[in-house]
């Protein structure tokens, strides 16, 4: 998904997503993608292009982010972690949906996304349809509220097709059989 966020925050520098690059504009962007079918083509590589130009980008796996949020909460430093996230221009959360979250983890990732809502650009990759996100978060209302924030003013980017890794593996098997 690619979305401009609220143009009301003119005091902060903001981002817009344009064909694989980020440029500073008077509105924020939020990005997400569903069914990533191979890392060389899916969103995670996109952010690294602007990173060398002073754009602050942070990459997390979903499980890693939840673990970091839980640890920060246990160490009473969650406000510091959220403040550091707000200093980023873009946050990438990869592999949402591979591992279900505990109730605490689901609530913390909701709090994280709510804190960043319309203030920091986000890319979220997942292999699940939105209807299946309840399996990951375990709470239908929390999932609906999170999806509401992530998809508001967003553009969905869905990759359909065969897995890149699966296709490569099949090609290697064919080559082994021939040789």
C-alpha atoms as a PDB file:
ATOM      1  CA  UNK A   1       0.000   0.000   0.000  1.00  0.00           C
ATOM      2  CA  UNK A   2       1.215   3.435  -0.667  1.00  0.00           C
ATOM      3  CA  UNK A   3      -0.634   6.292   0.892  1.00  0.00           C
ATOM      4  CA  UNK A   4      -0.233   9.960   1.600  1.00  0.00           C
ATOM      5  CA  UNK A   5      -0.949  10.728   5.207  1.00  0.00           C
ATOM      6  CA  UNK A   6      -2.489  13.821   6.654  1.00  0.00           C
ATOM      7  CA  UNK A   7      -1.118  17.043   5.167  1.00  0.00           C
ATOM      8  CA  UNK A   8      -1.926  18.787   8.458  1.00  0.00           C
ATOM      9  CA  UNK A   9       1.534  18.173   9.916  1.00  0.00           C
ATOM     10  CA  UNK A  10       3.362  20.874   7.985  1.00  0.00           C
ATOM     11  CA  UNK A  11       5.863  21.514  10.791  1.00  0.00           C
ATOM     12  CA  UNK A  12       7.519  18.137  10.244  1.00  0.00           C
ATOM     13  CA  UNK A  13       9.316  17.032   7.116  1.00  0.00           C
ATOM     14  CA  UNK A  14       7.320  14.402   5.353  1.00  0.00           C
ATOM     15  CA  UNK A  15       7.583  11.798   2.644  1.00  0.00           C
ATOM     16  CA  UNK A  16       5.885  10.755  -0.529  1.00  0.00           C
ATOM     17  CA  UNK A  17       6.546   7.445  -2.266  1.00  0.00           C
ATOM     18  CA  UNK A  18       7.403   7.703  -5.966  1.00  0.00           C
ATOM     19  CA  UNK A  19       8.388   4.700  -8.078  1.00  0.00           C
ATOM     20  CA  UNK A  20      10.888   3.176  -5.691  1.00  0.00           C
ATOM     21  CA  UNK A  21      12.257   6.359  -4.163  1.00  0.00           C
ATOM     22  CA  UNK A  22      11.279   8.667  -1.351  1.00  0.00           C
ATOM     23  CA  UNK A  23      11.165  12.417  -1.793  1.00  0.00           C
ATOM     24  CA  UNK A  24      10.430  15.089   0.789  1.00  0.00           C
ATOM     25  CA  UNK A  25       6.979  16.589   0.230  1.00  0.00           C
ATOM     26  CA  UNK A  26       4.363  18.192   2.477  1.00  0.00           C
ATOM     27  CA  UNK A  27       2.592  14.905   3.221  1.00  0.00           C
ATOM     28  CA  UNK A  28       3.544  11.599   4.812  1.00  0.00           C
ATOM     29  CA  UNK A  29       3.297   8.238   3.095  1.00  0.00           C
ATOM     30  CA  UNK A  30       2.431   4.833   4.420  1.00  0.00           C
ATOM     31  CA  UNK A  31       3.192   1.703   2.447  1.00  0.00           C
ATOM     32  CA  UNK A  32       2.296  -1.937   2.764  1.00  0.00           C
ATOM     33  CA  UNK A  33       2.314  -4.962   0.513  1.00  0.00           C
ATOM     34  CA  UNK A  34       0.504  -8.257   0.693  1.00  0.00           C
ATOM     35  CA  UNK A  35       1.650 -11.639  -0.519  1.00  0.00           C
ATOM     36  CA  UNK A  36       5.282 -10.841  -1.156  1.00  0.00           C
ATOM     37  CA  UNK A  37       6.418 -13.611  -3.478  1.00  0.00           C
ATOM     38  CA  UNK A  38      10.150 -13.164  -3.527  1.00  0.00           C
ATOM     39  CA  UNK A  39      12.429 -10.724  -1.783  1.00  0.00           C
ATOM     40  CA  UNK A  40      14.228  -9.458  -4.918  1.00  0.00           C
ATOM     41  CA  UNK A  41      10.920  -8.078  -6.192  1.00  0.00           C
ATOM     42  CA  UNK A  42       8.930  -7.325  -3.024  1.00  0.00           C
ATOM     43  CA  UNK A  43       9.101  -4.052  -1.031  1.00  0.00           C
ATOM     44  CA  UNK A  44      11.987  -4.622   1.427  1.00  0.00           C
ATOM     45  CA  UNK A  45      14.761  -3.632  -1.034  1.00  0.00           C
ATOM     46  CA  UNK A  46      13.024  -0.348  -1.961  1.00  0.00           C
ATOM     47  CA  UNK A  47      13.959   1.630   1.158  1.00  0.00           C
ATOM     48  CA  UNK A  48      17.672   1.106   0.804  1.00  0.00           C
ATOM     49  CA  UNK A  49      17.842   3.294  -2.289  1.00  0.00           C
ATOM     50  CA  UNK A  50      17.055   6.555  -0.450  1.00  0.00           C
ATOM     51  CA  UNK A  51      18.862   5.579   2.759  1.00  0.00           C
ATOM     52  CA  UNK A  52      22.172   6.994   1.534  1.00  0.00           C
ATOM     53  CA  UNK A  53      20.591  10.395   0.918  1.00  0.00           C
ATOM     54  CA  UNK A  54      19.889  11.283   4.544  1.00  0.00           C
ATOM     55  CA  UNK A  55      16.588   9.440   4.765  1.00  0.00           C
ATOM     56  CA  UNK A  56      16.269   7.588   8.060  1.00  0.00           C
ATOM     57  CA  UNK A  57      14.980   4.055   7.410  1.00  0.00           C
ATOM     58  CA  UNK A  58      14.501   1.265   9.963  1.00  0.00           C
ATOM     59  CA  UNK A  59      13.869  -2.376   8.993  1.00  0.00           C
ATOM     60  CA  UNK A  60      12.253  -4.962  11.282  1.00  0.00           C
ATOM     61  CA  UNK A  61      10.869  -8.422  10.867  1.00  0.00           C
ATOM     62  CA  UNK A  62       7.440  -8.492  12.510  1.00  0.00           C
ATOM     63  CA  UNK A  63       8.587 -11.051  15.080  1.00  0.00           C
ATOM     64  CA  UNK A  64      11.745  -9.055  15.792  1.00  0.00           C
ATOM     65  CA  UNK A  65       9.723  -5.863  16.267  1.00  0.00           C
ATOM     66  CA  UNK A  66       7.321  -7.562  18.677  1.00  0.00           C
ATOM     67  CA  UNK A  67      10.239  -9.019  20.650  1.00  0.00           C
ATOM     68  CA  UNK A  68      11.893  -5.599  20.803  1.00  0.00           C
ATOM     69  CA  UNK A  69       8.629  -3.953  21.927  1.00  0.00           C
ATOM     70  CA  UNK A  70       8.087  -6.569  24.658  1.00  0.00           C
ATOM     71  CA  UNK A  71      11.673  -6.183  25.877  1.00  0.00           C
ATOM     72  CA  UNK A  72      11.347  -2.387  25.871  1.00  0.00           C
ATOM     73  CA  UNK A  73       8.128  -2.631  27.887  1.00  0.00           C
ATOM     74  CA  UNK A  74       9.755  -5.010  30.391  1.00  0.00           C
ATOM     75  CA  UNK A  75      12.734  -2.630  30.732  1.00  0.00           C
ATOM     76  CA  UNK A  76      10.422   0.425  31.099  1.00  0.00           C
ATOM     77  CA  UNK A  77      11.870   2.027  27.967  1.00  0.00           C
ATOM     78  CA  UNK A  78       8.894   1.693  25.601  1.00  0.00           C
ATOM     79  CA  UNK A  79       8.374   5.483  25.397  1.00  0.00           C
ATOM     80  CA  UNK A  80      12.020   5.861  24.318  1.00  0.00           C
ATOM     81  CA  UNK A  81      11.641   3.190  21.629  1.00  0.00           C
ATOM     82  CA  UNK A  82       8.480   4.873  20.307  1.00  0.00           C
ATOM     83  CA  UNK A  83      10.197   8.291  20.335  1.00  0.00           C
ATOM     84  CA  UNK A  84      13.130   6.831  18.365  1.00  0.00           C
ATOM     85  CA  UNK A  85      10.699   5.331  15.838  1.00  0.00           C
ATOM     86  CA  UNK A  86       9.083   8.740  15.343  1.00  0.00           C
ATOM     87  CA  UNK A  87      12.471  10.105  14.232  1.00  0.00           C
ATOM     88  CA  UNK A  88      12.551   7.713  11.277  1.00  0.00           C
ATOM     89  CA  UNK A  89      11.331   8.688   7.813  1.00  0.00           C
ATOM     90  CA  UNK A  90      10.366   5.132   6.896  1.00  0.00           C
ATOM     91  CA  UNK A  91       9.824   1.955   8.890  1.00  0.00           C
ATOM     92  CA  UNK A  92       9.642  -1.420   7.144  1.00  0.00           C
ATOM     93  CA  UNK A  93       7.908  -4.309   8.917  1.00  0.00           C
ATOM     94  CA  UNK A  94       8.565  -7.508   6.998  1.00  0.00           C
ATOM     95  CA  UNK A  95       6.995 -10.975   7.270  1.00  0.00           C
ATOM     96  CA  UNK A  96       3.839 -10.065   9.174  1.00  0.00           C
ATOM     97  CA  UNK A  97       1.740 -13.200   9.419  1.00  0.00           C
ATOM     98  CA  UNK A  98       4.382 -15.899   9.656  1.00  0.00           C
ATOM     99  CA  UNK A  99       4.242 -16.086  13.461  1.00  0.00           C
ATOM    100  CA  UNK A 100       1.129 -15.384  15.561  1.00  0.00           C
ATOM    101  CA  UNK A 101       1.639 -12.820  18.341  1.00  0.00           C
ATOM    102  CA  UNK A 102       0.870 -13.163  22.013  1.00  0.00           C
ATOM    103  CA  UNK A 103      -1.849 -10.874  23.321  1.00  0.00           C
ATOM    104  CA  UNK A 104       0.821  -8.543  24.728  1.00  0.00           C
ATOM    105  CA  UNK A 105       2.743  -8.569  21.451  1.00  0.00           C
ATOM    106  CA  UNK A 106      -0.390  -7.815  19.430  1.00  0.00           C
ATOM    107  CA  UNK A 107      -1.299  -4.889  21.675  1.00  0.00           C
ATOM    108  CA  UNK A 108       2.253  -3.512  21.541  1.00  0.00           C
ATOM    109  CA  UNK A 109       2.454  -3.673  17.737  1.00  0.00           C
ATOM    110  CA  UNK A 110      -0.915  -1.906  17.617  1.00  0.00           C
ATOM    111  CA  UNK A 111       0.448   0.781  19.952  1.00  0.00           C
ATOM    112  CA  UNK A 112       3.580   1.077  17.783  1.00  0.00           C
ATOM    113  CA  UNK A 113       1.601   1.506  14.565  1.00  0.00           C
ATOM    114  CA  UNK A 114      -0.850   3.896  16.232  1.00  0.00           C
ATOM    115  CA  UNK A 115       2.043   6.064  17.448  1.00  0.00           C
ATOM    116  CA  UNK A 116       3.432   6.268  13.920  1.00  0.00           C
ATOM    117  CA  UNK A 117       0.021   6.743  12.268  1.00  0.00           C
ATOM    118  CA  UNK A 118       0.219   9.572   9.709  1.00  0.00           C
ATOM    119  CA  UNK A 119       3.597  10.656  11.106  1.00  0.00           C
ATOM    120  CA  UNK A 120       6.057   8.096   9.703  1.00  0.00           C
ATOM    121  CA  UNK A 121       5.915   6.245   6.382  1.00  0.00           C
ATOM    122  CA  UNK A 122       5.530   2.487   6.715  1.00  0.00           C
ATOM    123  CA  UNK A 123       5.900  -0.563   4.535  1.00  0.00           C
ATOM    124  CA  UNK A 124       4.345  -3.755   5.857  1.00  0.00           C
ATOM    125  CA  UNK A 125       4.781  -7.032   3.980  1.00  0.00           C
ATOM    126  CA  UNK A 126       2.632 -10.074   4.597  1.00  0.00           C
ATOM    127  CA  UNK A 127       1.622 -13.299   2.930  1.00  0.00           C
ATOM    128  CA  UNK A 128      -1.906 -13.128   4.374  1.00  0.00           C
ATOM    129  CA  UNK A 129      -5.135 -11.620   3.153  1.00  0.00           C
ATOM    130  CA  UNK A 130      -6.454  -8.985   5.547  1.00  0.00           C
ATOM    131  CA  UNK A 131      -9.286 -11.327   6.546  1.00  0.00           C
ATOM    132  CA  UNK A 132      -6.658 -13.709   7.932  1.00  0.00           C
ATOM    133  CA  UNK A 133      -4.843 -11.146  10.097  1.00  0.00           C
ATOM    134  CA  UNK A 134      -7.039 -12.064  13.070  1.00  0.00           C
ATOM    135  CA  UNK A 135      -5.089 -15.342  13.228  1.00  0.00           C
ATOM    136  CA  UNK A 136      -1.909 -13.332  13.846  1.00  0.00           C
ATOM    137  CA  UNK A 137      -3.310 -10.759  16.291  1.00  0.00           C
ATOM    138  CA  UNK A 138      -5.864 -12.995  18.004  1.00  0.00           C
ATOM    139  CA  UNK A 139      -8.393 -10.192  18.522  1.00  0.00           C
ATOM    140  CA  UNK A 140     -10.878  -9.190  15.857  1.00  0.00           C
ATOM    141  CA  UNK A 141     -11.415  -5.613  17.106  1.00  0.00           C
ATOM    142  CA  UNK A 142      -7.706  -4.924  17.511  1.00  0.00           C
ATOM    143  CA  UNK A 143      -7.040  -6.314  14.034  1.00  0.00           C
ATOM    144  CA  UNK A 144      -9.799  -4.163  12.526  1.00  0.00           C
ATOM    145  CA  UNK A 145      -8.455  -1.047  14.263  1.00  0.00           C
ATOM    146  CA  UNK A 146      -4.907  -1.777  13.101  1.00  0.00           C
ATOM    147  CA  UNK A 147      -6.015  -2.401   9.521  1.00  0.00           C
ATOM    148  CA  UNK A 148      -8.017   0.818   9.635  1.00  0.00           C
ATOM    149  CA  UNK A 149      -4.852   2.754  10.485  1.00  0.00           C
ATOM    150  CA  UNK A 150      -2.600   0.938   8.043  1.00  0.00           C
ATOM    151  CA  UNK A 151      -4.975   1.120   5.093  1.00  0.00           C
ATOM    152  CA  UNK A 152      -6.377   4.629   5.555  1.00  0.00           C
ATOM    153  CA  UNK A 153      -5.368   6.634   2.470  1.00  0.00           C
ATOM    154  CA  UNK A 154      -3.216   3.721   1.344  1.00  0.00           C
ATOM    155  CA  UNK A 155      -2.621   2.037  -1.996  1.00  0.00           C
ATOM    156  CA  UNK A 156      -2.415  -1.757  -1.877  1.00  0.00           C
ATOM    157  CA  UNK A 157       0.310  -3.502  -3.799  1.00  0.00           C
ATOM    158  CA  UNK A 158      -0.457  -7.176  -4.216  1.00  0.00           C
ATOM    159  CA  UNK A 159       2.015  -9.507  -5.815  1.00  0.00           C
ATOM    160  CA  UNK A 160       0.328 -12.537  -7.317  1.00  0.00           C
ATOM    161  CA  UNK A 161       2.141 -15.510  -8.664  1.00  0.00           C
ATOM    162  CA  UNK A 162       4.559 -18.191  -7.818  1.00  0.00           C
ATOM    163  CA  UNK A 163       7.167 -17.748  -5.120  1.00  0.00           C
ATOM    164  CA  UNK A 164      10.526 -16.524  -6.398  1.00  0.00           C
ATOM    165  CA  UNK A 165      12.366 -18.986  -4.130  1.00  0.00           C
ATOM    166  CA  UNK A 166      10.096 -21.862  -5.135  1.00  0.00           C
ATOM    167  CA  UNK A 167      10.662 -21.116  -8.831  1.00  0.00           C
ATOM    168  CA  UNK A 168      14.454 -21.020  -8.317  1.00  0.00           C
ATOM    169  CA  UNK A 169      14.343 -24.321  -6.434  1.00  0.00           C
ATOM    170  CA  UNK A 170      12.387 -25.973  -9.256  1.00  0.00           C
ATOM    171  CA  UNK A 171      14.928 -24.682 -11.793  1.00  0.00           C
ATOM    172  CA  UNK A 172      17.802 -26.132  -9.726  1.00  0.00           C
ATOM    173  CA  UNK A 173      16.031 -29.499  -9.516  1.00  0.00           C
ATOM    174  CA  UNK A 174      15.512 -29.542 -13.299  1.00  0.00           C
ATOM    175  CA  UNK A 175      19.203 -28.692 -13.837  1.00  0.00           C
ATOM    176  CA  UNK A 176      20.292 -31.500 -11.489  1.00  0.00           C
ATOM    177  CA  UNK A 177      18.125 -34.006 -13.333  1.00  0.00           C
ATOM    178  CA  UNK A 178      19.612 -32.955 -16.695  1.00  0.00           C
ATOM    179  CA  UNK A 179      23.204 -32.946 -15.491  1.00  0.00           C
END
